[in-house]
C-alpha atoms as a PDB file:
ATOM      1  CA  MET A   1      63.272-257.007 -19.170  1.00  0.00           C
ATOM      2  CA  PRO A   2      63.128-253.500 -20.872  1.00  0.00           C
ATOM      3  CA  PHE A   3      59.392-253.383 -21.682  1.00  0.00           C
ATOM      4  CA  SER A   4      56.586-255.605 -21.241  1.00  0.00           C
ATOM      5  CA  PRO A   5      52.691-254.879 -21.102  1.00  0.00           C
ATOM      6  CA  ARG A   6      52.455-257.369 -18.365  1.00  0.00           C
ATOM      7  CA  VAL A   7      53.365-254.506 -16.028  1.00  0.00           C
ATOM      8  CA  PHE A   8      49.568-253.972 -15.756  1.00  0.00           C
ATOM      9  CA  GLU A   9      48.536-257.617 -15.435  1.00  0.00           C
ATOM     10  CA  ARG A  10      46.871-258.632 -12.188  1.00  0.00           C
ATOM     11  CA  ALA A  11      47.766-255.369 -10.462  1.00  0.00           C
ATOM     12  CA  SER A  12      45.567-255.183  -7.537  1.00  0.00           C
ATOM     13  CA  PHE A  13      44.452-251.708  -6.390  1.00  0.00           C
ATOM     14  CA  LYS A  14      45.752-251.881  -2.940  1.00  0.00           C
ATOM     15  CA  LEU A  15      45.959-248.382  -1.330  1.00  0.00           C
ATOM     16  CA  THR A  16      49.118-247.963   0.750  1.00  0.00           C
ATOM     17  CA  SER A  17      50.294-244.276   1.965  1.00  0.00           C
ATOM     18  CA  SER A  18      52.460-243.822  -1.269  1.00  0.00           C
ATOM     19  CA  GLY A  19      49.584-244.948  -3.346  1.00  0.00           C
ATOM     20  CA  VAL A  20      47.165-242.489  -1.697  1.00  0.00           C
ATOM     21  CA  PHE A  21      49.957-239.666  -2.241  1.00  0.00           C
ATOM     22  CA  LEU A  22      50.098-240.743  -6.000  1.00  0.00           C
ATOM     23  CA  ILE A  23      46.324-240.388  -6.428  1.00  0.00           C
ATOM     24  CA  LEU A  24      46.404-237.044  -4.753  1.00  0.00           C
ATOM     25  CA  ALA A  25      49.328-235.838  -6.975  1.00  0.00           C
ATOM     26  CA  ASN A  26      47.546-236.936 -10.190  1.00  0.00           C
ATOM     27  CA  CYS A  27      44.347-235.177  -9.079  1.00  0.00           C
ATOM     28  CA  ILE A  28      45.963-231.719  -8.804  1.00  0.00           C
ATOM     29  CA  PRO A  29      46.084-231.134 -12.668  1.00  0.00           C
ATOM     30  CA  ILE A  30      42.270-230.990 -12.463  1.00  0.00           C
ATOM     31  CA  ILE A  31      42.557-227.876 -10.175  1.00  0.00           C
ATOM     32  CA  GLY A  32      44.797-226.450 -12.874  1.00  0.00           C
ATOM     33  CA  ILE A  33      41.889-227.016 -15.596  1.00  0.00           C
ATOM     34  CA  PHE A  34      39.507-224.723 -13.662  1.00  0.00           C
ATOM     35  CA  LEU A  35      41.837-222.422 -12.125  1.00  0.00           C
ATOM     36  CA  PHE A  36      44.612-221.647 -14.741  1.00  0.00           C
ATOM     37  CA  GLY A  37      42.693-222.946 -17.913  1.00  0.00           C
ATOM     38  CA  TRP A  38      45.162-225.794 -18.834  1.00  0.00           C
ATOM     39  CA  ASP A  39      44.264-227.527 -21.892  1.00  0.00           C
ATOM     40  CA  ALA A  40      45.569-231.198 -23.230  1.00  0.00           C
ATOM     41  CA  ALA A  41      48.932-229.994 -24.347  1.00  0.00           C
ATOM     42  CA  THR A  42      49.591-228.374 -20.975  1.00  0.00           C
ATOM     43  CA  ILE A  43      48.632-231.585 -19.290  1.00  0.00           C
ATOM     44  CA  LEU A  44      50.837-233.640 -21.850  1.00  0.00           C
ATOM     45  CA  VAL A  45      53.903-231.433 -20.878  1.00  0.00           C
ATOM     46  CA  LEU A  46      53.217-231.962 -17.221  1.00  0.00           C
ATOM     47  CA  TYR A  47      53.175-235.755 -17.864  1.00  0.00           C
ATOM     48  CA  TRP A  48      56.508-235.315 -19.684  1.00  0.00           C
ATOM     49  CA  LEU A  49      57.896-233.646 -16.935  1.00  0.00           C
ATOM     50  CA  GLU A  50      56.963-236.581 -14.622  1.00  0.00           C
ATOM     51  CA  SER A  51      58.619-238.812 -16.779  1.00  0.00           C
ATOM     52  CA  VAL A  52      61.853-236.827 -16.565  1.00  0.00           C
ATOM     53  CA  ILE A  53      61.269-236.876 -12.747  1.00  0.00           C
ATOM     54  CA  ILE A  54      60.816-240.563 -12.818  1.00  0.00           C
ATOM     55  CA  GLY A  55      63.935-240.982 -14.458  1.00  0.00           C
ATOM     56  CA  ILE A  56      66.065-238.824 -11.986  1.00  0.00           C
ATOM     57  CA  VAL A  57      64.516-240.671  -9.074  1.00  0.00           C
ATOM     58  CA  ASN A  58      65.798-243.807 -10.479  1.00  0.00           C
ATOM     59  CA  ILE A  59      69.263-242.793 -10.313  1.00  0.00           C
ATOM     60  CA  PRO A  60      69.831-243.025  -6.560  1.00  0.00           C
ATOM     61  CA  LYS A  61      67.966-246.519  -6.632  1.00  0.00           C
ATOM     62  CA  ILE A  62      70.426-247.898  -9.353  1.00  0.00           C
ATOM     63  CA  LEU A  63      73.190-246.940  -7.251  1.00  0.00           C
ATOM     64  CA  ALA A  64      71.865-248.399  -4.081  1.00  0.00           C
ATOM     65  CA  CYS A  65      70.858-251.968  -5.693  1.00  0.00           C
ATOM     66  CA  ARG A  66      72.812-254.758  -3.795  1.00  0.00           C
ATOM     67  CA  LYS A  67      71.554-257.988  -5.162  1.00  0.00           C
ATOM     68  CA  GLY A  68      74.342-260.568  -6.325  1.00  0.00           C
ATOM     69  CA  GLY A  69      76.638-260.790  -3.366  1.00  0.00           C
ATOM     70  CA  ARG A  70      79.466-258.910  -4.843  1.00  0.00           C
ATOM     71  CA  GLY A  71      82.208-256.997  -2.956  1.00  0.00           C
ATOM     72  CA  VAL A  72      81.468-253.348  -2.064  1.00  0.00           C
ATOM     73  CA  PHE A  73      83.889-251.859  -4.338  1.00  0.00           C
ATOM     74  CA  VAL A  74      83.018-253.814  -7.268  1.00  0.00           C
ATOM     75  CA  SER A  75      79.489-253.279  -6.633  1.00  0.00           C
ATOM     76  CA  MET A  76      79.695-249.526  -6.575  1.00  0.00           C
ATOM     77  CA  MET A  77      81.874-249.447  -9.788  1.00  0.00           C
ATOM     78  CA  SER A  78      79.401-251.724 -11.720  1.00  0.00           C
ATOM     79  CA  ASN A  79      76.317-249.590 -10.424  1.00  0.00           C
ATOM     80  CA  LEU A  80      78.198-246.337 -11.359  1.00  0.00           C
ATOM     81  CA  PHE A  81      78.828-247.548 -14.898  1.00  0.00           C
ATOM     82  CA  ILE A  82      75.220-248.818 -15.383  1.00  0.00           C
ATOM     83  CA  CYS A  83      73.982-245.569 -14.018  1.00  0.00           C
ATOM     84  CA  VAL A  84      75.985-243.336 -16.465  1.00  0.00           C
ATOM     85  CA  PHE A  85      74.741-245.519 -19.295  1.00  0.00           C
ATOM     86  CA  TYR A  86      71.044-245.175 -18.059  1.00  0.00           C
ATOM     87  CA  MET A  87      71.280-241.340 -17.775  1.00  0.00           C
ATOM     88  CA  VAL A  88      72.493-241.058 -21.360  1.00  0.00           C
ATOM     89  CA  HIS A  89      69.912-243.755 -22.658  1.00  0.00           C
ATOM     90  CA  TYR A  90      66.937-242.288 -20.829  1.00  0.00           C
ATOM     91  CA  GLY A  91      68.024-238.730 -21.487  1.00  0.00           C
ATOM     92  CA  ILE A  92      67.807-239.510 -25.140  1.00  0.00           C
ATOM     93  CA  PHE A  93      64.439-241.315 -24.604  1.00  0.00           C
ATOM     94  CA  THR A  94      62.873-238.288 -22.753  1.00  0.00           C
ATOM     95  CA  GLY A  95      64.446-236.009 -25.276  1.00  0.00           C
ATOM     96  CA  VAL A  96      62.841-237.639 -28.213  1.00  0.00           C
ATOM     97  CA  HIS A  97      59.634-237.652 -26.475  1.00  0.00           C
ATOM     98  CA  GLY A  98      59.657-233.958 -25.575  1.00  0.00           C
ATOM     99  CA  VAL A  99      60.661-232.824 -29.291  1.00  0.00           C
ATOM    100  CA  PHE A 100      57.489-234.912 -30.370  1.00  0.00           C
ATOM    101  CA  LEU A 101      55.146-233.171 -28.011  1.00  0.00           C
ATOM    102  CA  ALA A 102      56.853-229.583 -28.901  1.00  0.00           C
ATOM    103  CA  GLU A 103      56.521-230.362 -32.806  1.00  0.00           C
ATOM    104  CA  LEU A 104      53.753-232.540 -33.457  1.00  0.00           C
ATOM    105  CA  LEU A 105      51.349-231.774 -30.595  1.00  0.00           C
ATOM    106  CA  GLY A 106      51.923-228.212 -30.457  1.00  0.00           C
ATOM    107  CA  ALA A 107      53.167-228.037 -26.969  1.00  0.00           C
ATOM    108  CA  ARG A 108      56.338-225.853 -27.547  1.00  0.00           C
ATOM    109  CA  PRO A 109      54.792-222.592 -26.201  1.00  0.00           C
ATOM    110  CA  VAL A 110      54.028-224.458 -22.942  1.00  0.00           C
ATOM    111  CA  MET A 111      57.575-226.075 -22.803  1.00  0.00           C
ATOM    112  CA  ASP A 112      59.323-222.607 -23.627  1.00  0.00           C
ATOM    113  CA  GLY A 113      57.163-221.223 -20.589  1.00  0.00           C
ATOM    114  CA  LEU A 114      58.540-223.591 -17.910  1.00  0.00           C
ATOM    115  CA  ILE A 115      61.654-221.326 -17.496  1.00  0.00           C
ATOM    116  CA  HIS A 116      59.303-218.724 -15.937  1.00  0.00           C
ATOM    117  CA  GLY A 117      58.043-221.245 -13.372  1.00  0.00           C
ATOM    118  CA  GLY A 118      54.356-220.904 -12.403  1.00  0.00           C
ATOM    119  CA  PRO A 119      51.675-223.491 -11.508  1.00  0.00           C
ATOM    120  CA  LEU A 120      52.868-226.250 -13.873  1.00  0.00           C
ATOM    121  CA  VAL A 121      56.365-226.169 -12.350  1.00  0.00           C
ATOM    122  CA  TRP A 122      55.009-226.424  -8.908  1.00  0.00           C
ATOM    123  CA  THR A 123      52.723-229.198  -9.909  1.00  0.00           C
ATOM    124  CA  ALA A 124      55.675-231.182 -11.460  1.00  0.00           C
ATOM    125  CA  PHE A 125      57.324-230.575  -8.153  1.00  0.00           C
ATOM    126  CA  ILE A 126      54.461-231.985  -6.314  1.00  0.00           C
ATOM    127  CA  PHE A 127      55.073-235.072  -8.587  1.00  0.00           C
ATOM    128  CA  PHE A 128      58.730-235.137  -7.597  1.00  0.00           C
ATOM    129  CA  VAL A 129      57.751-235.415  -3.875  1.00  0.00           C
ATOM    130  CA  SER A 130      55.210-238.057  -4.561  1.00  0.00           C
ATOM    131  CA  HIS A 131      58.010-240.300  -6.294  1.00  0.00           C
ATOM    132  CA  LEU A 132      60.532-239.193  -3.605  1.00  0.00           C
ATOM    133  CA  PHE A 133      58.228-240.306  -0.983  1.00  0.00           C
ATOM    134  CA  SER A 134      57.471-243.555  -2.750  1.00  0.00           C
ATOM    135  CA  MET A 135      61.158-244.230  -3.021  1.00  0.00           C
ATOM    136  CA  LEU A 136      61.835-243.654   0.607  1.00  0.00           C
ATOM    137  CA  VAL A 137      58.786-245.575   1.872  1.00  0.00           C
ATOM    138  CA  ASN A 138      59.121-248.514  -0.508  1.00  0.00           C
ATOM    139  CA  PHE A 139      62.465-248.917  -2.012  1.00  0.00           C
ATOM    140  CA  PHE A 140      64.700-247.857   1.031  1.00  0.00           C
ATOM    141  CA  GLY A 141      61.945-248.434   3.824  1.00  0.00           C
ATOM    142  CA  LYS A 142      61.065-251.862   2.848  1.00  0.00           C
ATOM    143  CA  LYS A 143      64.704-252.609   1.643  1.00  0.00           C
ATOM    144  CA  GLU A 144      63.546-253.584  -1.993  1.00  0.00           C
ATOM    145  CA  TYR A 145      67.201-252.476  -3.099  1.00  0.00           C
ATOM    146  CA  LEU A 146      68.564-255.868  -1.418  1.00  0.00           C
ATOM    147  CA  GLY A 147      66.295-257.759  -3.981  1.00  0.00           C
ATOM    148  CA  ARG A 148      67.352-256.339  -7.195  1.00  0.00           C
ATOM    149  CA  THR A 149      70.377-255.837  -9.651  1.00  0.00           C
ATOM    150  CA  PRO A 150      71.214-252.400 -10.976  1.00  0.00           C
ATOM    151  CA  HIS A 151      70.232-253.652 -14.535  1.00  0.00           C
ATOM    152  CA  GLU A 152      66.859-254.794 -13.285  1.00  0.00           C
ATOM    153  CA  GLN A 153      66.216-251.428 -11.754  1.00  0.00           C
ATOM    154  CA  MET A 154      67.636-249.435 -14.725  1.00  0.00           C
ATOM    155  CA  PHE A 155      65.143-251.103 -17.025  1.00  0.00           C
ATOM    156  CA  SER A 156      62.214-251.046 -14.452  1.00  0.00           C
ATOM    157  CA  VAL A 157      61.111-247.525 -15.339  1.00  0.00           C
ATOM    158  CA  TYR A 158      60.875-248.079 -19.181  1.00  0.00           C
ATOM    159  CA  GLY A 159      57.801-250.375 -19.289  1.00  0.00           C
ATOM    160  CA  ARG A 160      55.929-247.901 -17.008  1.00  0.00           C
ATOM    161  CA  VAL A 161      56.699-244.811 -18.746  1.00  0.00           C
ATOM    162  CA  PHE A 162      56.477-246.299 -22.279  1.00  0.00           C
ATOM    163  CA  VAL A 163      52.990-247.780 -21.903  1.00  0.00           C
ATOM    164  CA  MET A 164      51.711-244.904 -19.900  1.00  0.00           C
ATOM    165  CA  HIS A 165      52.926-242.257 -22.516  1.00  0.00           C
ATOM    166  CA  ILE A 166      51.689-244.083 -25.525  1.00  0.00           C
ATOM    167  CA  VAL A 167      48.249-244.178 -24.211  1.00  0.00           C
ATOM    168  CA  ILE A 168      48.502-240.594 -23.002  1.00  0.00           C
ATOM    169  CA  ILE A 169      49.607-239.484 -26.392  1.00  0.00           C
ATOM    170  CA  PHE A 170      46.910-241.053 -28.308  1.00  0.00           C
ATOM    171  CA  THR A 171      44.334-239.838 -25.727  1.00  0.00           C
ATOM    172  CA  GLY A 172      45.891-236.473 -26.119  1.00  0.00           C
ATOM    173  CA  PHE A 173      45.579-236.498 -29.897  1.00  0.00           C
ATOM    174  CA  ALA A 174      42.014-237.171 -29.349  1.00  0.00           C
ATOM    175  CA  ALA A 175      41.595-234.403 -26.852  1.00  0.00           C
ATOM    176  CA  LEU A 176      43.319-231.870 -29.104  1.00  0.00           C
ATOM    177  CA  ALA A 177      41.365-232.978 -32.147  1.00  0.00           C
ATOM    178  CA  PHE A 178      38.077-232.255 -30.479  1.00  0.00           C
ATOM    179  CA  GLY A 179      39.392-228.888 -29.352  1.00  0.00           C
ATOM    180  CA  ALA A 180      40.504-230.271 -25.838  1.00  0.00           C
ATOM    181  CA  PRO A 181      37.079-229.878 -24.102  1.00  0.00           C
ATOM    182  CA  ILE A 182      37.252-230.153 -20.392  1.00  0.00           C
ATOM    183  CA  ILE A 183      35.666-233.628 -20.223  1.00  0.00           C
ATOM    184  CA  ALA A 184      38.314-235.080 -22.503  1.00  0.00           C
ATOM    185  CA  VAL A 185      41.061-233.766 -20.514  1.00  0.00           C
ATOM    186  CA  ILE A 186      39.706-234.937 -17.254  1.00  0.00           C
ATOM    187  CA  MET A 187      39.229-238.321 -18.783  1.00  0.00           C
ATOM    188  CA  LEU A 188      43.023-238.190 -19.891  1.00  0.00           C
ATOM    189  CA  ILE A 189      43.972-237.454 -16.105  1.00  0.00           C
ATOM    190  CA  GLY A 190      41.746-240.332 -14.896  1.00  0.00           C
ATOM    191  CA  LEU A 191      43.152-242.801 -17.224  1.00  0.00           C
ATOM    192  CA  LYS A 192      46.637-241.728 -16.537  1.00  0.00           C
ATOM    193  CA  THR A 193      46.003-242.108 -12.812  1.00  0.00           C
ATOM    194  CA  VAL A 194      44.536-245.574 -13.091  1.00  0.00           C
ATOM    195  CA  MET A 195      47.487-246.777 -15.185  1.00  0.00           C
ATOM    196  CA  ASP A 196      49.833-245.151 -12.745  1.00  0.00           C
ATOM    197  CA  LEU A 197      48.211-246.640  -9.834  1.00  0.00           C
ATOM    198  CA  ALA A 198      48.369-250.037 -11.501  1.00  0.00           C
ATOM    199  CA  ALA A 199      51.939-249.895 -12.427  1.00  0.00           C
ATOM    200  CA  HIS A 200      52.884-248.706  -8.895  1.00  0.00           C
ATOM    201  CA  ASN A 201      51.206-251.504  -7.065  1.00  0.00           C
ATOM    202  CA  LYS A 202      52.380-254.155  -9.674  1.00  0.00           C
ATOM    203  CA  GLU A 203      55.993-253.017  -9.191  1.00  0.00           C
ATOM    204  CA  HIS A 204      55.888-253.315  -5.331  1.00  0.00           C
ATOM    205  CA  GLN A 205      54.106-256.487  -5.344  1.00  0.00           C
ATOM    206  CA  ASN A 206      56.548-257.867  -7.288  1.00  0.00           C
ATOM    207  CA  ARG A 207      59.294-256.876  -5.244  1.00  0.00           C
ATOM    208  CA  GLU A 208      57.505-258.173  -1.852  1.00  0.00           C
ATOM    209  CA  ALA A 209      57.169-261.477  -3.453  1.00  0.00           C
ATOM    210  CA  VAL A 210      60.904-261.486  -4.197  1.00  0.00           C
ATOM    211  CA  THR A 211      62.070-260.415  -0.932  1.00  0.00           C
ATOM    212  CA  ALA A 212      59.459-262.468   1.302  1.00  0.00           C
END
């Protein structure tokens, strides 16, 4: 199912090790606000980078899915085909989102500066480590790949990313409209963290129920 707001329904906030890592990673942008003067546009670019990271981390997950009981060769070829389609489709999805941020929210200077590295890139790398840790602990450690098809895994990221960024973009508009005061930006970070944790727990609760 490509998208459903129900990704956030009945999501308990059970704190696992990967959940704690996720919260800590989401709190790092607050440091950027006070130490580096990050504004709402910078935070939105950071979250766009995270959506790219989520898409990249999903690639080995798609390739590893084994639900269906097919032969190894057929399974590998099917997973590879779906993975190539996913990379093109998700690439367009995040590319359009990036253009939207650059042209309509004035984030182009921030995005152009990514090539030079700096704190924003390092923070994005910490997000990457957080998602990689979750993948190793949950997806492979708990053998979630045995309970889903590559098609299910491909679409699993869209609901989370779509809902999260729709809310973040509207919140970002509000922050920019009010001159991006610190309180508004911190509220943006807090809202994103809560939604992120809810989606994270909901995803893994669903998979635990399937594989139990």
